[in-house]
Amino acid sequence: MATRRTTRSKPRVSDDETASRVAKSAQHRGSVTALSNGNIEISCQLSELVPVAQYANVTIGPVQLRWQTENPGIELLGDIDWDEGDEEPVLTPEQRRVYDKIRGYIRATSKLIEHSIAEDRAIVEESVRLHNEREAEEAEKTRKRRR
């Protein structure tokens, strides 16, 4: 018994979804660790679910980047009261330098991973778009043959 193949009436991914957006399903994990050799290790991991159909997703990642650099003085941040509510704590100029440097390390690490995930997401979305186009062409050919 042959099964009848039905064509999709709605594309798997709509045109208003772009590869430049970061999906709400992205999962970030990151850490900074002070090592015994005087360095710090920056680590960040990201994975993301990309919708490809109503009840289907493609998982991209996890992509992880870990690296070491000289400790800029993270121990200077240990005496800060970080629980002062939503306000940013008052930092000395040296603490601000360390804070900004480490924050920059973390941001750069995160951005490198996000760009890698974005490339993979664009490939998945392009593949889905091409699949939708092929389905539409097949449906059009079928309609023309029935006429």
Protein backbone atom coordinates (compact mmCIF):
# COMPACT_ATOMS: atom_id res chain seq x y z
CA MET A 1 0.00 0.00 0.00
CA ALA A 2 1.54 3.29 -1.08
CA THR A 3 1.32 6.23 1.26
CA ARG A 4 0.24 9.53 -0.11
CA ARG A 5 2.80 12.25 0.36
CA THR A 6 1.32 15.57 1.39
CA THR A 7 3.01 18.89 0.79
CA ARG A 8 3.73 21.35 3.54
CA SER A 9 1.40 24.34 3.49
CA LYS A 10 3.62 26.44 5.77
CA PRO A 11 7.42 26.75 5.45
CA ARG A 12 9.52 25.17 8.18
CA VAL A 13 11.17 28.49 9.00
CA SER A 14 9.62 31.84 8.20
CA ASP A 15 11.49 34.60 6.36
CA ASP A 16 11.39 36.92 9.37
CA GLU A 17 13.79 34.64 11.26
CA THR A 18 17.37 35.66 10.56
CA ALA A 19 20.76 34.17 11.34
CA SER A 20 21.87 37.37 13.07
CA ARG A 21 19.53 36.90 16.01
CA VAL A 22 20.44 34.90 19.08
CA ALA A 23 17.73 32.38 19.86
CA LYS A 24 16.01 32.48 23.23
CA SER A 25 17.00 28.85 23.63
CA ALA A 26 20.72 29.64 23.79
CA GLN A 27 22.45 28.19 26.82
CA HIS A 28 25.55 30.05 28.07
CA ARG A 29 27.97 28.74 30.65
CA GLY A 30 31.14 30.51 31.66
CA SER A 31 33.78 30.65 34.37
CA VAL A 32 37.00 32.31 35.39
CA THR A 33 39.38 30.21 37.49
CA ALA A 34 42.55 31.38 39.23
CA LEU A 35 45.25 28.77 38.63
CA SER A 36 48.20 27.87 40.87
CA ASN A 37 50.69 28.98 38.19
CA GLY A 38 49.57 32.61 38.53
CA ASN A 39 47.34 32.57 35.46
CA ILE A 40 43.58 32.66 35.16
CA GLU A 41 41.56 30.35 32.94
CA ILE A 42 38.61 31.81 31.04
CA SER A 43 36.01 29.28 29.93
CA CYS A 44 32.75 29.75 28.07
CA GLN A 45 30.34 27.30 26.44
CA LEU A 46 27.28 27.90 24.28
CA SER A 47 24.67 25.68 22.70
CA GLU A 48 21.47 26.63 20.93
CA LEU A 49 18.26 25.08 19.65
CA VAL A 50 17.25 26.27 16.18
CA PRO A 51 13.61 25.70 15.17
CA VAL A 52 13.27 23.87 11.87
CA ALA A 53 9.65 22.71 12.06
CA GLN A 54 6.70 23.03 14.40
CA TYR A 55 7.87 20.22 16.68
CA ALA A 56 11.50 19.86 15.66
CA ASN A 57 14.73 21.62 16.54
CA VAL A 58 18.37 21.26 15.59
CA THR A 59 20.89 21.54 18.41
CA ILE A 60 23.99 23.52 17.55
CA GLY A 61 26.94 22.99 19.86
CA PRO A 62 27.93 22.92 22.51
CA VAL A 63 30.88 25.01 21.42
CA GLN A 64 33.44 25.68 24.12
CA LEU A 65 36.50 27.90 24.35
CA ARG A 66 38.98 27.68 27.23
CA TRP A 67 42.18 29.66 27.47
CA GLN A 68 44.71 30.96 29.98
CA THR A 69 46.17 34.40 30.47
CA GLU A 70 48.22 36.17 33.08
CA ASN A 71 46.15 37.05 36.15
CA PRO A 72 45.58 40.83 36.06
CA GLY A 73 44.89 40.81 39.82
CA ILE A 74 41.48 39.17 40.23
CA GLU A 75 42.22 38.80 43.96
CA LEU A 76 41.75 42.59 44.27
CA LEU A 77 38.05 42.03 43.58
CA GLY A 78 37.63 39.65 46.54
CA ASP A 79 37.08 42.41 49.12
CA ILE A 80 34.20 44.03 47.24
CA ASP A 81 30.66 43.74 48.64
CA TRP A 82 28.87 42.45 45.52
CA ASP A 83 25.51 42.20 47.31
CA GLU A 84 24.74 45.93 47.43
CA GLY A 85 21.58 45.49 45.37
CA ASP A 86 21.40 46.39 41.70
CA GLU A 87 23.88 49.24 41.98
CA GLU A 88 27.41 48.71 40.72
CA PRO A 89 29.87 48.66 43.64
CA VAL A 90 32.36 51.49 44.16
CA LEU A 91 35.76 50.35 42.89
CA THR A 92 39.21 51.80 43.35
CA PRO A 93 41.00 52.71 40.10
CA GLU A 94 43.09 49.50 40.35
CA GLN A 95 39.99 47.36 41.01
CA ARG A 96 38.24 49.04 38.06
CA ARG A 97 41.21 48.21 35.79
CA VAL A 98 41.10 44.54 36.86
CA TYR A 99 37.31 44.40 36.63
CA ASP A 100 37.28 45.91 33.13
CA LYS A 101 40.12 43.67 31.91
CA ILE A 102 38.50 40.43 33.12
CA ARG A 103 35.09 41.53 31.88
CA GLY A 104 36.67 42.18 28.47
CA TYR A 105 38.24 38.69 28.47
CA ILE A 106 34.87 37.12 29.23
CA ARG A 107 33.06 39.23 26.62
CA ALA A 108 35.62 38.43 23.91
CA THR A 109 35.41 34.70 24.70
CA SER A 110 31.62 34.79 24.56
CA LYS A 111 31.57 36.75 21.28
CA LEU A 112 33.95 34.31 19.56
CA ILE A 113 31.66 31.43 20.46
CA GLU A 114 28.50 33.34 19.49
CA HIS A 115 29.97 34.05 16.03
CA SER A 116 30.75 30.35 15.57
CA ILE A 117 27.20 29.38 16.57
CA ALA A 118 25.77 32.07 14.24
CA GLU A 119 27.64 30.55 11.28
CA ASP A 120 26.25 27.11 12.08
CA ARG A 121 22.74 28.54 12.57
CA ALA A 122 22.94 30.24 9.16
CA ILE A 123 23.88 26.91 7.55
CA VAL A 124 20.90 25.15 9.20
CA GLU A 125 18.49 27.92 8.19
CA GLU A 126 19.80 27.93 4.60
CA SER A 127 19.35 24.17 4.44
CA VAL A 128 15.75 24.48 5.66
CA ARG A 129 15.06 27.28 3.17
CA LEU A 130 16.37 25.17 0.28
CA HIS A 131 14.30 22.21 1.47
CA ASN A 132 11.17 24.41 1.56
CA GLU A 133 11.89 25.64 -1.97
CA ARG A 134 12.29 22.06 -3.23
CA GLU A 135 8.99 21.06 -1.62
CA ALA A 136 7.24 24.05 -3.23
CA GLU A 137 8.71 23.17 -6.66
CA GLU A 138 7.58 19.54 -6.30
CA ALA A 139 4.09 20.68 -5.33
CA GLU A 140 3.95 22.98 -8.36
CA LYS A 141 5.08 20.18 -10.69
CA THR A 142 2.43 17.88 -9.24
CA ARG A 143 -0.27 20.50 -9.79
CA LYS A 144 0.83 21.01 -13.40
CA ARG A 145 0.77 17.25 -14.10
CA ARG A 146 -2.78 16.94 -12.74
CA ARG A 147 -4.06 19.63 -15.15
